[in-house]
PDB file of N, CA and C in Angstrom:
ATOM      1  N   MET A   1      29.911  49.313 -17.788  1.00  0.00           N
ATOM      2  CA  MET A   1      30.762  48.160 -17.950  1.00  0.00           C
ATOM      3  C   MET A   1      31.667  48.055 -16.724  1.00  0.00           C
ATOM      4  N   PRO A   2      31.705  46.844 -16.080  1.00  0.00           N
ATOM      5  CA  PRO A   2      32.523  46.698 -14.872  1.00  0.00           C
ATOM      6  C   PRO A   2      34.014  46.795 -15.193  1.00  0.00           C
ATOM      7  N   ASP A   3      34.733  47.270 -14.183  1.00  0.00           N
ATOM      8  CA  ASP A   3      36.169  47.383 -14.391  1.00  0.00           C
ATOM      9  C   ASP A   3      36.843  46.012 -14.284  1.00  0.00           C
ATOM     10  N   LEU A   4      38.111  45.936 -14.528  1.00  0.00           N
ATOM     11  CA  LEU A   4      38.869  44.690 -14.592  1.00  0.00           C
ATOM     12  C   LEU A   4      38.915  43.984 -13.243  1.00  0.00           C
ATOM     13  N   HIS A   5      39.069  44.724 -12.161  1.00  0.00           N
ATOM     14  CA  HIS A   5      39.159  44.117 -10.832  1.00  0.00           C
ATOM     15  C   HIS A   5      37.844  43.422 -10.439  1.00  0.00           C
ATOM     16  N   THR A   6      36.735  44.052 -10.747  1.00  0.00           N
ATOM     17  CA  THR A   6      35.435  43.456 -10.446  1.00  0.00           C
ATOM     18  C   THR A   6      35.241  42.167 -11.239  1.00  0.00           C
ATOM     19  N   THR A   7      35.623  42.188 -12.491  1.00  0.00           N
ATOM     20  CA  THR A   7      35.508  41.012 -13.338  1.00  0.00           C
ATOM     21  C   THR A   7      36.372  39.872 -12.812  1.00  0.00           C
ATOM     22  N   ILE A   8      37.567  40.187 -12.374  1.00  0.00           N
ATOM     23  CA  ILE A   8      38.475  39.170 -11.839  1.00  0.00           C
ATOM     24  C   ILE A   8      37.905  38.576 -10.548  1.00  0.00           C
ATOM     25  N   VAL A   9      37.368  39.416  -9.680  1.00  0.00           N
ATOM     26  CA  VAL A   9      36.792  38.941  -8.426  1.00  0.00           C
ATOM     27  C   VAL A   9      35.588  38.042  -8.697  1.00  0.00           C
ATOM     28  N   ILE A  10      34.725  38.439  -9.611  1.00  0.00           N
ATOM     29  CA  ILE A  10      33.552  37.620  -9.948  1.00  0.00           C
ATOM     30  C   ILE A  10      33.993  36.294 -10.560  1.00  0.00           C
ATOM     31  N   ALA A  11      34.959  36.310 -11.446  1.00  0.00           N
ATOM     32  CA  ALA A  11      35.447  35.082 -12.072  1.00  0.00           C
ATOM     33  C   ALA A  11      36.096  34.164 -11.043  1.00  0.00           C
ATOM     34  N   ALA A  12      36.886  34.729 -10.135  1.00  0.00           N
ATOM     35  CA  ALA A  12      37.532  33.916  -9.098  1.00  0.00           C
ATOM     36  C   ALA A  12      36.507  33.321  -8.150  1.00  0.00           C
ATOM     37  N   THR A  13      35.484  34.085  -7.802  1.00  0.00           N
ATOM     38  CA  THR A  13      34.432  33.576  -6.932  1.00  0.00           C
ATOM     39  C   THR A  13      33.658  32.455  -7.622  1.00  0.00           C
ATOM     40  N   ALA A  14      33.351  32.641  -8.893  1.00  0.00           N
ATOM     41  CA  ALA A  14      32.642  31.599  -9.636  1.00  0.00           C
ATOM     42  C   ALA A  14      33.488  30.336  -9.734  1.00  0.00           C
ATOM     43  N   PHE A  15      34.763  30.488  -9.973  1.00  0.00           N
ATOM     44  CA  PHE A  15      35.663  29.334 -10.048  1.00  0.00           C
ATOM     45  C   PHE A  15      35.754  28.630  -8.693  1.00  0.00           C
ATOM     46  N   ALA A  16      35.846  29.392  -7.617  1.00  0.00           N
ATOM     47  CA  ALA A  16      35.922  28.793  -6.283  1.00  0.00           C
ATOM     48  C   ALA A  16      34.628  28.039  -5.954  1.00  0.00           C
ATOM     49  N   CYS A  17      33.483  28.604  -6.313  1.00  0.00           N
ATOM     50  CA  CYS A  17      32.207  27.912  -6.073  1.00  0.00           C
ATOM     51  C   CYS A  17      32.119  26.631  -6.891  1.00  0.00           C
ATOM     52  N   ALA A  18      32.542  26.683  -8.140  1.00  0.00           N
ATOM     53  CA  ALA A  18      32.516  25.489  -8.987  1.00  0.00           C
ATOM     54  C   ALA A  18      33.455  24.419  -8.435  1.00  0.00           C
ATOM     55  N   ALA A  19      34.623  24.831  -7.955  1.00  0.00           N
ATOM     56  CA  ALA A  19      35.562  23.869  -7.379  1.00  0.00           C
ATOM     57  C   ALA A  19      34.999  23.263  -6.096  1.00  0.00           C
ATOM     58  N   LEU A  20      34.357  24.071  -5.277  1.00  0.00           N
ATOM     59  CA  LEU A  20      33.756  23.579  -4.036  1.00  0.00           C
ATOM     60  C   LEU A  20      32.634  22.581  -4.318  1.00  0.00           C
ATOM     61  N   ILE A  21      31.776  22.916  -5.254  1.00  0.00           N
ATOM     62  CA  ILE A  21      30.676  22.015  -5.606  1.00  0.00           C
ATOM     63  C   ILE A  21      31.209  20.728  -6.229  1.00  0.00           C
ATOM     64  N   SER A  22      32.217  20.830  -7.073  1.00  0.00           N
ATOM     65  CA  SER A  22      32.814  19.633  -7.673  1.00  0.00           C
ATOM     66  C   SER A  22      33.466  18.749  -6.618  1.00  0.00           C
ATOM     67  N   GLY A  23      34.155  19.346  -5.679  1.00  0.00           N
ATOM     68  CA  GLY A  23      34.770  18.576  -4.599  1.00  0.00           C
ATOM     69  C   GLY A  23      33.737  17.887  -3.729  1.00  0.00           C
ATOM     70  N   LEU A  24      32.665  18.584  -3.418  1.00  0.00           N
ATOM     71  CA  LEU A  24      31.585  18.000  -2.628  1.00  0.00           C
ATOM     72  C   LEU A  24      30.916  16.841  -3.376  1.00  0.00           C
ATOM     73  N   ALA A  25      30.717  17.017  -4.670  1.00  0.00           N
ATOM     74  CA  ALA A  25      30.105  15.952  -5.474  1.00  0.00           C
ATOM     75  C   ALA A  25      31.019  14.732  -5.537  1.00  0.00           C
ATOM     76  N   ALA A  26      32.308  14.936  -5.700  1.00  0.00           N
ATOM     77  CA  ALA A  26      33.248  13.818  -5.743  1.00  0.00           C
ATOM     78  C   ALA A  26      33.307  13.100  -4.401  1.00  0.00           C
ATOM     79  N   TRP A  27      33.293  13.857  -3.315  1.00  0.00           N
ATOM     80  CA  TRP A  27      33.309  13.260  -1.981  1.00  0.00           C
ATOM     81  C   TRP A  27      32.043  12.436  -1.738  1.00  0.00           C
ATOM     82  N   SER A  28      30.899  12.980  -2.159  1.00  0.00           N
ATOM     83  CA  SER A  28      29.634  12.263  -2.000  1.00  0.00           C
ATOM     84  C   SER A  28      29.602  10.994  -2.852  1.00  0.00           C
ATOM     85  N   TRP A  29      30.096  11.080  -4.066  1.00  0.00           N
ATOM     86  CA  TRP A  29      30.135   9.924  -4.967  1.00  0.00           C
ATOM     87  C   TRP A  29      31.007   8.822  -4.379  1.00  0.00           C
ATOM     88  N   ARG A  30      32.151   9.201  -3.826  1.00  0.00           N
ATOM     89  CA  ARG A  30      33.046   8.213  -3.221  1.00  0.00           C
ATOM     90  C   ARG A  30      32.367   7.541  -2.017  1.00  0.00           C
ATOM     91  N   GLY A  31      31.657   8.322  -1.217  1.00  0.00           N
ATOM     92  CA  GLY A  31      30.930   7.753  -0.082  1.00  0.00           C
ATOM     93  C   GLY A  31      29.844   6.796  -0.527  1.00  0.00           C
ATOM     94  N   TRP A  32      29.132   7.154  -1.597  1.00  0.00           N
ATOM     95  CA  TRP A  32      28.086   6.277  -2.110  1.00  0.00           C
ATOM     96  C   TRP A  32      28.686   4.975  -2.634  1.00  0.00           C
ATOM     97  N   LEU A  33      29.822   5.079  -3.338  1.00  0.00           N
ATOM     98  CA  LEU A  33      30.482   3.871  -3.832  1.00  0.00           C
ATOM     99  C   LEU A  33      30.958   2.980  -2.684  1.00  0.00           C
ATOM    100  N   GLU A  34      31.485   3.581  -1.614  1.00  0.00           N
ATOM    101  CA  GLU A  34      31.904   2.792  -0.456  1.00  0.00           C
ATOM    102  C   GLU A  34      30.708   2.102   0.197  1.00  0.00           C
ATOM    103  N   LEU A  35      29.572   2.787   0.252  1.00  0.00           N
ATOM    104  CA  LEU A  35      28.361   2.181   0.795  1.00  0.00           C
ATOM    105  C   LEU A  35      27.939   0.976  -0.040  1.00  0.00           C
ATOM    106  N   LYS A  36      27.931   1.120  -1.348  1.00  0.00           N
ATOM    107  CA  LYS A  36      27.540   0.015  -2.221  1.00  0.00           C
ATOM    108  C   LYS A  36      28.534  -1.145  -2.121  1.00  0.00           C
ATOM    109  N   GLN A  37      29.821  -0.852  -2.003  1.00  0.00           N
ATOM    110  CA  GLN A  37      30.808  -1.908  -1.849  1.00  0.00           C
ATOM    111  C   GLN A  37      30.600  -2.656  -0.543  1.00  0.00           C
ATOM    112  N   ALA A  38      30.256  -1.933   0.510  1.00  0.00           N
ATOM    113  CA  ALA A  38      29.992  -2.579   1.797  1.00  0.00           C
ATOM    114  C   ALA A  38      28.747  -3.458   1.713  1.00  0.00           C
ATOM    115  N   GLN A  39      27.714  -2.996   0.994  1.00  0.00           N
ATOM    116  CA  GLN A  39      26.519  -3.806   0.826  1.00  0.00           C
ATOM    117  C   GLN A  39      26.818  -5.070   0.031  1.00  0.00           C
ATOM    118  N   ILE A  40      27.615  -4.949  -1.005  1.00  0.00           N
ATOM    119  CA  ILE A  40      27.975  -6.117  -1.805  1.00  0.00           C
ATOM    120  C   ILE A  40      28.822  -7.073  -0.983  1.00  0.00           C
ATOM    121  N   ALA A  41      29.717  -6.537  -0.183  1.00  0.00           N
ATOM    122  CA  ALA A  41      30.595  -7.383   0.625  1.00  0.00           C
ATOM    123  C   ALA A  41      29.819  -8.183   1.660  1.00  0.00           C
ATOM    124  N   ARG A  42      28.753  -7.611   2.198  1.00  0.00           N
ATOM    125  CA  ARG A  42      27.984  -8.353   3.195  1.00  0.00           C
ATOM    126  C   ARG A  42      26.900  -9.212   2.572  1.00  0.00           C
ATOM    127  N   GLY A  43      26.749  -9.138   1.252  1.00  0.00           N
ATOM    128  CA  GLY A  43      25.839 -10.028   0.554  1.00  0.00           C
ATOM    129  C   GLY A  43      24.445  -9.492   0.379  1.00  0.00           C
ATOM    130  N   ALA A  44      24.244  -8.206   0.505  1.00  0.00           N
ATOM    131  CA  ALA A  44      22.915  -7.632   0.314  1.00  0.00           C
ATOM    132  C   ALA A  44      22.600  -7.584  -1.173  1.00  0.00           C
ATOM    133  N   ASP A  45      21.343  -7.801  -1.497  1.00  0.00           N
ATOM    134  CA  ASP A  45      20.893  -7.788  -2.878  1.00  0.00           C
ATOM    135  C   ASP A  45      20.298  -6.421  -3.175  1.00  0.00           C
ATOM    136  N   ALA A  46      20.699  -5.811  -4.287  1.00  0.00           N
ATOM    137  CA  ALA A  46      20.237  -4.468  -4.616  1.00  0.00           C
ATOM    138  C   ALA A  46      18.739  -4.439  -4.896  1.00  0.00           C
ATOM    139  N   GLU A  47      18.201  -5.512  -5.471  1.00  0.00           N
ATOM    140  CA  GLU A  47      16.783  -5.522  -5.825  1.00  0.00           C
ATOM    141  C   GLU A  47      15.891  -5.612  -4.601  1.00  0.00           C
ATOM    142  N   PHE A  48      16.309  -6.347  -3.594  1.00  0.00           N
ATOM    143  CA  PHE A  48      15.473  -6.584  -2.431  1.00  0.00           C
ATOM    144  C   PHE A  48      15.953  -5.842  -1.198  1.00  0.00           C
ATOM    145  N   GLY A  49      16.808  -4.859  -1.353  1.00  0.00           N
ATOM    146  CA  GLY A  49      17.257  -4.074  -0.215  1.00  0.00           C
ATOM    147  C   GLY A  49      18.243  -4.830   0.644  1.00  0.00           C
ATOM    148  N   ASP A  50      17.901  -5.080   1.900  1.00  0.00           N
ATOM    149  CA  ASP A  50      18.827  -5.700   2.839  1.00  0.00           C
ATOM    150  C   ASP A  50      18.644  -7.209   2.956  1.00  0.00           C
ATOM    151  N   VAL A  51      17.926  -7.812   2.035  1.00  0.00           N
ATOM    152  CA  VAL A  51      17.716  -9.248   2.096  1.00  0.00           C
ATOM    153  C   VAL A  51      18.944  -9.944   1.534  1.00  0.00           C
ATOM    154  N   PRO A  52      19.614 -10.794   2.314  1.00  0.00           N
ATOM    155  CA  PRO A  52      20.773 -11.501   1.786  1.00  0.00           C
ATOM    156  C   PRO A  52      20.383 -12.391   0.612  1.00  0.00           C
ATOM    157  N   SER A  53      21.205 -12.393  -0.422  1.00  0.00           N
ATOM    158  CA  SER A  53      20.861 -13.127  -1.633  1.00  0.00           C
ATOM    159  C   SER A  53      21.192 -14.606  -1.531  1.00  0.00           C
ATOM    160  N   GLY A  54      21.857 -15.047  -0.465  1.00  0.00           N
ATOM    161  CA  GLY A  54      22.260 -16.435  -0.354  1.00  0.00           C
ATOM    162  C   GLY A  54      21.122 -17.393  -0.078  1.00  0.00           C
ATOM    163  N   ASN A  55      20.029 -16.933   0.524  1.00  0.00           N
ATOM    164  CA  ASN A  55      18.939 -17.805   0.905  1.00  0.00           C
ATOM    165  C   ASN A  55      17.755 -17.598  -0.040  1.00  0.00           C
ATOM    166  N   PRO A  56      17.384 -18.629  -0.826  1.00  0.00           N
ATOM    167  CA  PRO A  56      16.266 -18.474  -1.753  1.00  0.00           C
ATOM    168  C   PRO A  56      14.925 -18.251  -1.049  1.00  0.00           C
ATOM    169  N   MET A  57      14.787 -18.730   0.170  1.00  0.00           N
ATOM    170  CA  MET A  57      13.536 -18.531   0.899  1.00  0.00           C
ATOM    171  C   MET A  57      13.277 -17.044   1.155  1.00  0.00           C
ATOM    172  N   ASN A  58      14.332 -16.280   1.369  1.00  0.00           N
ATOM    173  CA  ASN A  58      14.159 -14.841   1.578  1.00  0.00           C
ATOM    174  C   ASN A  58      13.570 -14.179   0.340  1.00  0.00           C
ATOM    175  N   ARG A  59      14.032 -14.587  -0.826  1.00  0.00           N
ATOM    176  CA  ARG A  59      13.502 -14.018  -2.065  1.00  0.00           C
ATOM    177  C   ARG A  59      12.039 -14.389  -2.237  1.00  0.00           C
ATOM    178  N   ILE A  60      11.693 -15.621  -1.906  1.00  0.00           N
ATOM    179  CA  ILE A  60      10.302 -16.066  -2.023  1.00  0.00           C
ATOM    180  C   ILE A  60       9.422 -15.272  -1.068  1.00  0.00           C
ATOM    181  N   GLU A  61       9.893 -15.067   0.156  1.00  0.00           N
ATOM    182  CA  GLU A  61       9.124 -14.307   1.134  1.00  0.00           C
ATOM    183  C   GLU A  61       8.930 -12.868   0.683  1.00  0.00           C
ATOM    184  N   VAL A  62       9.967 -12.259   0.143  1.00  0.00           N
ATOM    185  CA  VAL A  62       9.865 -10.876  -0.319  1.00  0.00           C
ATOM    186  C   VAL A  62       8.908 -10.802  -1.499  1.00  0.00           C
ATOM    187  N   ALA A  63       8.986 -11.755  -2.415  1.00  0.00           N
ATOM    188  CA  ALA A  63       8.065 -11.762  -3.557  1.00  0.00           C
ATOM    189  C   ALA A  63       6.627 -11.935  -3.081  1.00  0.00           C
ATOM    190  N   ASP A  64       6.415 -12.782  -2.085  1.00  0.00           N
ATOM    191  CA  ASP A  64       5.080 -12.986  -1.533  1.00  0.00           C
ATOM    192  C   ASP A  64       4.555 -11.702  -0.890  1.00  0.00           C
ATOM    193  N   LEU A  65       5.409 -11.029  -0.146  1.00  0.00           N
ATOM    194  CA  LEU A  65       5.002  -9.772   0.488  1.00  0.00           C
ATOM    195  C   LEU A  65       4.688  -8.701  -0.556  1.00  0.00           C
ATOM    196  N   LYS A  66       5.466  -8.661  -1.626  1.00  0.00           N
ATOM    197  CA  LYS A  66       5.198  -7.688  -2.683  1.00  0.00           C
ATOM    198  C   LYS A  66       3.851  -7.978  -3.340  1.00  0.00           C
ATOM    199  N   GLU A  67       3.551  -9.243  -3.549  1.00  0.00           N
ATOM    200  CA  GLU A  67       2.261  -9.623  -4.135  1.00  0.00           C
ATOM    201  C   GLU A  67       1.113  -9.236  -3.208  1.00  0.00           C
ATOM    202  N   ARG A  68       1.271  -9.454  -1.915  1.00  0.00           N
ATOM    203  CA  ARG A  68       0.234  -9.068  -0.963  1.00  0.00           C
ATOM    204  C   ARG A  68       0.009  -7.562  -0.966  1.00  0.00           C
ATOM    205  N   VAL A  69       1.097  -6.807  -1.004  1.00  0.00           N
ATOM    206  CA  VAL A  69       0.985  -5.347  -1.031  1.00  0.00           C
ATOM    207  C   VAL A  69       0.273  -4.907  -2.299  1.00  0.00           C
ATOM    208  N   ARG A  70       0.609  -5.537  -3.421  1.00  0.00           N
ATOM    209  CA  ARG A  70      -0.045  -5.198  -4.689  1.00  0.00           C
ATOM    210  C   ARG A  70      -1.550  -5.454  -4.600  1.00  0.00           C
ATOM    211  N   LYS A  71      -1.927  -6.580  -4.016  1.00  0.00           N
ATOM    212  CA  LYS A  71      -3.350  -6.898  -3.876  1.00  0.00           C
ATOM    213  C   LYS A  71      -4.045  -5.915  -2.941  1.00  0.00           C
ATOM    214  N   LEU A  72      -3.392  -5.555  -1.842  1.00  0.00           N
ATOM    215  CA  LEU A  72      -3.989  -4.590  -0.916  1.00  0.00           C
ATOM    216  C   LEU A  72      -4.148  -3.215  -1.552  1.00  0.00           C
ATOM    217  N   GLU A  73      -3.175  -2.818  -2.371  1.00  0.00           N
ATOM    218  CA  GLU A  73      -3.295  -1.537  -3.070  1.00  0.00           C
ATOM    219  C   GLU A  73      -4.437  -1.579  -4.059  1.00  0.00           C
ATOM    220  N   ALA A  74      -4.625  -2.721  -4.731  1.00  0.00           N
ATOM    221  CA  ALA A  74      -5.732  -2.848  -5.672  1.00  0.00           C
ATOM    222  C   ALA A  74      -7.062  -2.787  -4.933  1.00  0.00           C
ATOM    223  N   ILE A  75      -7.151  -3.421  -3.779  1.00  0.00           N
ATOM    224  CA  ILE A  75      -8.386  -3.369  -2.983  1.00  0.00           C
ATOM    225  C   ILE A  75      -8.659  -1.945  -2.526  1.00  0.00           C
ATOM    226  N   ALA A  76      -7.616  -1.244  -2.092  1.00  0.00           N
ATOM    227  CA  ALA A  76      -7.779   0.134  -1.632  1.00  0.00           C
ATOM    228  C   ALA A  76      -8.220   1.049  -2.776  1.00  0.00           C
ATOM    229  N   ALA A  77      -7.777   0.734  -3.994  1.00  0.00           N
ATOM    230  CA  ALA A  77      -8.152   1.545  -5.143  1.00  0.00           C
ATOM    231  C   ALA A  77      -9.524   1.166  -5.675  1.00  0.00           C
ATOM    232  N   GLY A  78     -10.099   0.079  -5.182  1.00  0.00           N
ATOM    233  CA  GLY A  78     -11.421  -0.335  -5.618  1.00  0.00           C
ATOM    234  C   GLY A  78     -11.414  -1.201  -6.858  1.00  0.00           C
ATOM    235  N   VAL A  79     -10.289  -1.805  -7.174  1.00  0.00           N
ATOM    236  CA  VAL A  79     -10.173  -2.665  -8.351  1.00  0.00           C
ATOM    237  C   VAL A  79     -10.379  -4.102  -7.927  1.00  0.00           C
ATOM    238  N   ASP A  80     -11.248  -4.822  -8.652  1.00  0.00           N
ATOM    239  CA  ASP A  80     -11.471  -6.237  -8.350  1.00  0.00           C
ATOM    240  C   ASP A  80     -10.423  -7.077  -9.053  1.00  0.00           C
ATOM    241  N   LEU A  81      -9.835  -8.018  -8.323  1.00  0.00           N
ATOM    242  CA  LEU A  81      -8.824  -8.893  -8.926  1.00  0.00           C
ATOM    243  C   LEU A  81      -9.431 -10.187  -9.388  1.00  0.00           C
TER     244      LEU A  81
END
């Protein structure tokens, strides 16, 4: 059975590691939120990545490209459409 000093050192080390990981997670979360706020501020749409949501033609073009990619993947897989 470990003595009291060893137990205290292990507990303090575990607490310090948990605090470090929690601080890193909070810092990362705040950075991610700032990134999303910047994307929203510049008008980027979350569904289409960096395509501005103000122009409907951009959405149509992205939808068309997605349809083309879907068809090409089906052709590559050997599925007839």
